[in-house]
C-alpha cells in the first residue's frame, strides 16, 4: 500500500511538473504573441493616425505637401527666368534702402524681356496687363467646361524677384503651387517659399478677370 501511494505520488508529481512546464511554455509563447500583436497594433495605429492627419490636411485645403518633382520644377523655372533679367536687375537703381524697390519702368522692362519666352507674365505695376495671356485664357475657358489641365503664370515684383504660380485643375477642384524667387546679397537667385493650396472659390468673367479665394 505504501509503495502504491509513493508510486501514485511520483506519478502525480510528474504529471504536475509536466503541466507546470507546459503552462510555462504556453505562457511564454502567448507572451511573445502578445508583444508582436501589440507592436502590429501600434504600427497600424500610427499608420492610421498619419493617414487621418493627411486626410484632415487635404480636407482643410491649405499647407498641402508639395511633391518633390513639383518643387524641383518650380525651382528650375524661376531660376531660368531670373537669369534672363539679371543684367537689368544688376544695373537698375536700387536706392540706398535695405529693401530694394525698383521703379515701374525697370519692372516693365523686365516683363518685356520675359515676354520673349512665350510664358504668361504679369507685374504689380498699376494698370499693367498680363503679357502672353492667351494660354491662361484657354486654360480657364477649359476649366469652365470641366476639362482638367494646368498653366504657369509668372509675376515680377517691385524688388526684382519673380513669383511663379502653377494653377492645376483636376476637373473638379483647382489648386495652386506658389513659389517666390528673390535675389540674395550676392545677386544670386534663391527661393523664399513654396506653398500648395486648394482654391476654395474661383471665377473667370467674360471680360477676362480671374478672381479666386484660397482655403486658409
Protein backbone atom coordinates (compact mmCIF):
# COMPACT_ATOMS: atom_id res chain seq x y z
CA UNK A 1 0.00 0.00 0.00
CA UNK A 2 2.78 2.38 0.83
CA UNK A 3 4.54 1.62 -2.41
CA UNK A 4 1.38 2.24 -4.33
CA UNK A 5 0.94 5.57 -2.54
CA UNK A 6 4.53 6.52 -3.34
CA UNK A 7 4.05 5.45 -6.94
CA UNK A 8 0.89 7.48 -7.23
CA UNK A 9 2.61 10.46 -5.61
CA UNK A 10 5.54 10.28 -8.03
CA UNK A 11 3.17 9.99 -10.96
CA UNK A 12 1.18 12.95 -9.67
CA UNK A 13 4.38 14.99 -9.17
CA UNK A 14 5.49 14.03 -12.67
CA UNK A 15 2.14 14.97 -14.14
CA UNK A 16 2.02 18.22 -12.17
CA UNK A 17 5.56 19.00 -13.32
CA UNK A 18 4.61 18.35 -16.93
CA UNK A 19 1.53 20.52 -16.54
CA UNK A 20 3.52 23.36 -14.98
CA UNK A 21 6.17 23.12 -17.69
CA UNK A 22 3.50 23.05 -20.35
CA UNK A 23 1.78 26.07 -18.82
CA UNK A 24 5.06 27.90 -18.53
CA UNK A 25 5.82 27.21 -22.15
CA UNK A 26 2.34 28.25 -23.18
CA UNK A 27 2.65 31.47 -21.17
CA UNK A 28 5.94 32.21 -22.86
CA UNK A 29 4.50 31.70 -26.35
CA UNK A 30 1.39 33.67 -25.52
CA UNK A 31 3.55 36.45 -24.09
CA UNK A 32 5.61 36.67 -27.28
CA UNK A 33 2.45 36.68 -29.38
CA UNK A 34 1.01 39.50 -27.29
CA UNK A 35 4.17 41.57 -27.75
CA UNK A 36 4.09 41.01 -31.52
CA UNK A 37 0.37 41.78 -31.69
CA UNK A 38 0.90 44.95 -29.64
CA UNK A 39 3.66 46.08 -31.97
CA UNK A 40 1.46 45.40 -35.02
CA UNK A 41 -1.46 47.27 -33.47
CA UNK A 42 0.83 50.17 -32.55
CA UNK A 43 2.22 50.30 -36.09
CA UNK A 44 -1.29 50.13 -37.55
CA UNK A 45 -2.47 52.91 -35.24
CA UNK A 46 0.49 55.11 -36.24
CA UNK A 47 -0.20 54.49 -39.93
CA UNK A 48 -3.88 55.18 -39.40
CA UNK A 49 -3.05 58.33 -37.48
CA UNK A 50 -0.73 59.56 -40.26
CA UNK A 51 -3.38 58.79 -42.87
CA UNK A 52 -6.03 60.57 -40.83
CA UNK A 53 -3.78 63.63 -40.42
CA UNK A 54 -3.10 63.69 -44.16
CA UNK A 55 -6.82 63.34 -44.90
CA UNK A 56 -7.63 66.17 -42.48
CA UNK A 57 -4.99 68.41 -44.10
CA UNK A 58 -6.38 67.75 -47.57
CA UNK A 59 -9.85 68.49 -46.24
CA UNK A 60 -8.61 71.85 -44.93
CA UNK A 61 -7.07 72.56 -48.32
CA UNK A 62 -4.08 74.67 -47.24
CA UNK A 63 -0.46 73.88 -46.40
CA UNK A 64 -0.66 70.76 -48.57
CA UNK A 65 2.53 68.72 -49.03
CA UNK A 66 4.46 69.80 -52.13
CA UNK A 67 5.53 66.96 -54.37
CA UNK A 68 9.32 66.75 -54.77
CA UNK A 69 9.05 66.89 -58.55
CA UNK A 70 6.84 69.99 -58.35
CA UNK A 71 9.37 71.70 -56.11
CA UNK A 72 12.25 70.91 -58.46
CA UNK A 73 10.23 72.13 -61.43
CA UNK A 74 9.37 75.40 -59.67
CA UNK A 75 12.99 75.99 -58.63
CA UNK A 76 14.34 75.36 -62.13
CA UNK A 77 11.70 77.58 -63.76
CA UNK A 78 12.10 80.68 -61.62
CA UNK A 79 15.91 80.44 -61.75
CA UNK A 80 15.85 80.42 -65.56
CA UNK A 81 13.53 83.43 -65.57
CA UNK A 82 15.63 85.36 -63.08
CA UNK A 83 18.81 84.68 -65.04
CA UNK A 84 17.14 86.29 -68.07
CA UNK A 85 16.60 89.57 -66.21
CA UNK A 86 19.83 89.53 -64.21
CA UNK A 87 21.55 92.23 -66.26
CA UNK A 88 18.54 94.54 -65.91
CA UNK A 89 18.41 93.97 -62.16
CA UNK A 90 22.17 94.37 -61.72
CA UNK A 91 22.26 97.76 -63.46
CA UNK A 92 18.98 99.05 -62.00
CA UNK A 93 18.83 101.88 -59.48
CA UNK A 94 18.09 100.10 -56.20
CA UNK A 95 18.31 103.13 -53.96
CA UNK A 96 20.05 103.14 -50.60
CA UNK A 97 17.38 101.41 -48.51
CA UNK A 98 17.91 97.88 -47.23
CA UNK A 99 14.75 96.77 -49.05
CA UNK A 100 15.09 97.06 -52.83
CA UNK A 101 12.21 98.79 -54.62
CA UNK A 102 12.58 99.14 -58.39
CA UNK A 103 10.75 101.79 -60.37
CA UNK A 104 7.89 100.88 -62.69
CA UNK A 105 9.96 101.40 -65.85
CA UNK A 106 12.51 98.82 -64.73
CA UNK A 107 9.83 96.29 -63.82
CA UNK A 108 8.10 96.74 -67.19
CA UNK A 109 11.46 96.33 -68.93
CA UNK A 110 11.86 93.01 -67.12
CA UNK A 111 8.38 91.99 -68.21
CA UNK A 112 9.22 92.80 -71.82
CA UNK A 113 12.34 90.61 -71.57
CA UNK A 114 10.40 87.65 -70.18
CA UNK A 115 7.69 88.05 -72.82
CA UNK A 116 10.18 86.57 -75.29
CA UNK A 117 9.85 83.17 -73.58
CA UNK A 118 6.18 83.00 -74.59
CA UNK A 119 5.14 82.45 -70.96
CA UNK A 120 2.34 84.47 -69.33
CA UNK A 121 3.96 87.34 -67.39
CA UNK A 122 2.27 89.94 -65.19
CA UNK A 123 3.53 92.69 -62.87
CA UNK A 124 2.27 94.62 -59.87
CA UNK A 125 2.53 97.89 -61.78
CA UNK A 126 -0.82 99.70 -61.69
CA UNK A 127 -2.94 99.22 -64.85
CA UNK A 128 -0.38 96.92 -66.44
CA UNK A 129 -1.65 93.95 -68.43
CA UNK A 130 -0.60 90.32 -68.44
CA UNK A 131 1.53 89.54 -71.48
CA UNK A 132 1.16 86.24 -73.35
CA UNK A 133 -2.21 85.80 -71.65
CA UNK A 134 -3.62 83.52 -74.36
CA UNK A 135 -2.61 80.24 -72.71
CA UNK A 136 -4.16 81.36 -69.40
CA UNK A 137 -7.37 82.36 -71.17
CA UNK A 138 -7.53 78.97 -72.87
CA UNK A 139 -6.84 77.15 -69.60
CA UNK A 140 -9.60 78.99 -67.72
CA UNK A 141 -12.09 78.51 -70.54
CA UNK A 142 -11.39 74.76 -70.43
CA UNK A 143 -11.72 74.75 -66.63
CA UNK A 144 -15.13 76.36 -67.02
CA UNK A 145 -16.06 73.43 -69.27
CA UNK A 146 -14.78 70.96 -66.65
CA UNK A 147 -11.62 69.97 -68.51
CA UNK A 148 -8.53 69.25 -66.42
CA UNK A 149 -5.18 70.90 -67.09
CA UNK A 150 -2.57 73.33 -65.74
CA UNK A 151 -0.92 76.65 -66.54
CA UNK A 152 2.03 78.60 -65.11
CA UNK A 153 1.97 82.37 -64.60
CA UNK A 154 4.99 84.49 -63.68
CA UNK A 155 4.71 87.74 -61.76
CA UNK A 156 7.50 90.30 -61.46
CA UNK A 157 7.66 92.03 -58.08
CA UNK A 158 8.99 95.52 -57.41
CA UNK A 159 12.06 94.10 -55.63
CA UNK A 160 13.09 92.37 -58.86
CA UNK A 161 12.04 88.95 -57.61
CA UNK A 162 9.74 86.63 -59.54
CA UNK A 163 6.64 84.85 -58.36
CA UNK A 164 5.65 81.59 -60.05
CA UNK A 165 2.10 80.31 -59.79
CA UNK A 166 1.11 76.97 -61.24
CA UNK A 167 -2.66 76.55 -61.39
CA UNK A 168 -3.86 72.95 -61.59
CA UNK A 169 -7.43 71.87 -62.32
CA UNK A 170 -8.38 68.20 -61.87
CA UNK A 171 -11.82 68.51 -63.41
CA UNK A 172 -13.46 69.39 -60.11
CA UNK A 173 -11.07 71.26 -57.84
CA UNK A 174 -8.45 73.89 -58.62
CA UNK A 175 -5.11 74.09 -56.80
CA UNK A 176 -2.14 76.45 -56.97
CA UNK A 177 1.54 75.81 -56.30
CA UNK A 178 3.06 79.20 -55.47
CA UNK A 179 6.81 79.86 -55.32
CA UNK A 180 8.76 83.08 -54.85
CA UNK A 181 12.23 83.73 -56.22
CA UNK A 182 14.32 86.51 -54.67
CA UNK A 183 17.82 87.95 -55.08
CA UNK A 184 20.23 87.44 -52.19
CA UNK A 185 23.01 89.83 -51.13
CA UNK A 186 25.33 88.35 -53.76
CA UNK A 187 22.76 88.86 -56.53
CA UNK A 188 22.10 85.12 -56.70
CA UNK A 189 18.54 83.81 -57.11
CA UNK A 190 17.00 81.80 -54.27
CA UNK A 191 13.58 80.52 -53.25
CA UNK A 192 11.98 82.31 -50.31
CA UNK A 193 8.97 79.98 -50.08
CA UNK A 194 6.81 77.44 -51.86
CA UNK A 195 3.25 76.50 -50.96
CA UNK A 196 0.47 74.27 -52.23
CA UNK A 197 -3.16 75.21 -51.58
CA UNK A 198 -6.61 74.41 -52.84
CA UNK A 199 -8.65 77.25 -54.29
CA UNK A 200 -11.88 77.50 -52.35
CA UNK A 201 -13.72 79.50 -54.98
CA UNK A 202 -12.81 80.97 -58.36
CA UNK A 203 -14.46 82.86 -61.18
CA UNK A 204 -13.49 83.86 -64.70
CA UNK A 205 -15.55 86.66 -66.19
CA UNK A 206 -16.35 87.37 -69.83
CA UNK A 207 -14.14 90.48 -69.66
CA UNK A 208 -11.14 88.37 -68.67
CA UNK A 209 -11.00 88.93 -64.91
CA UNK A 210 -9.81 85.91 -62.97
CA UNK A 211 -10.59 86.05 -59.27
CA UNK A 212 -10.09 83.34 -56.67
CA UNK A 213 -10.15 82.72 -52.93
CA UNK A 214 -7.70 80.33 -51.29
CA UNK A 215 -8.53 77.93 -48.48
CA UNK A 216 -6.94 79.46 -45.37
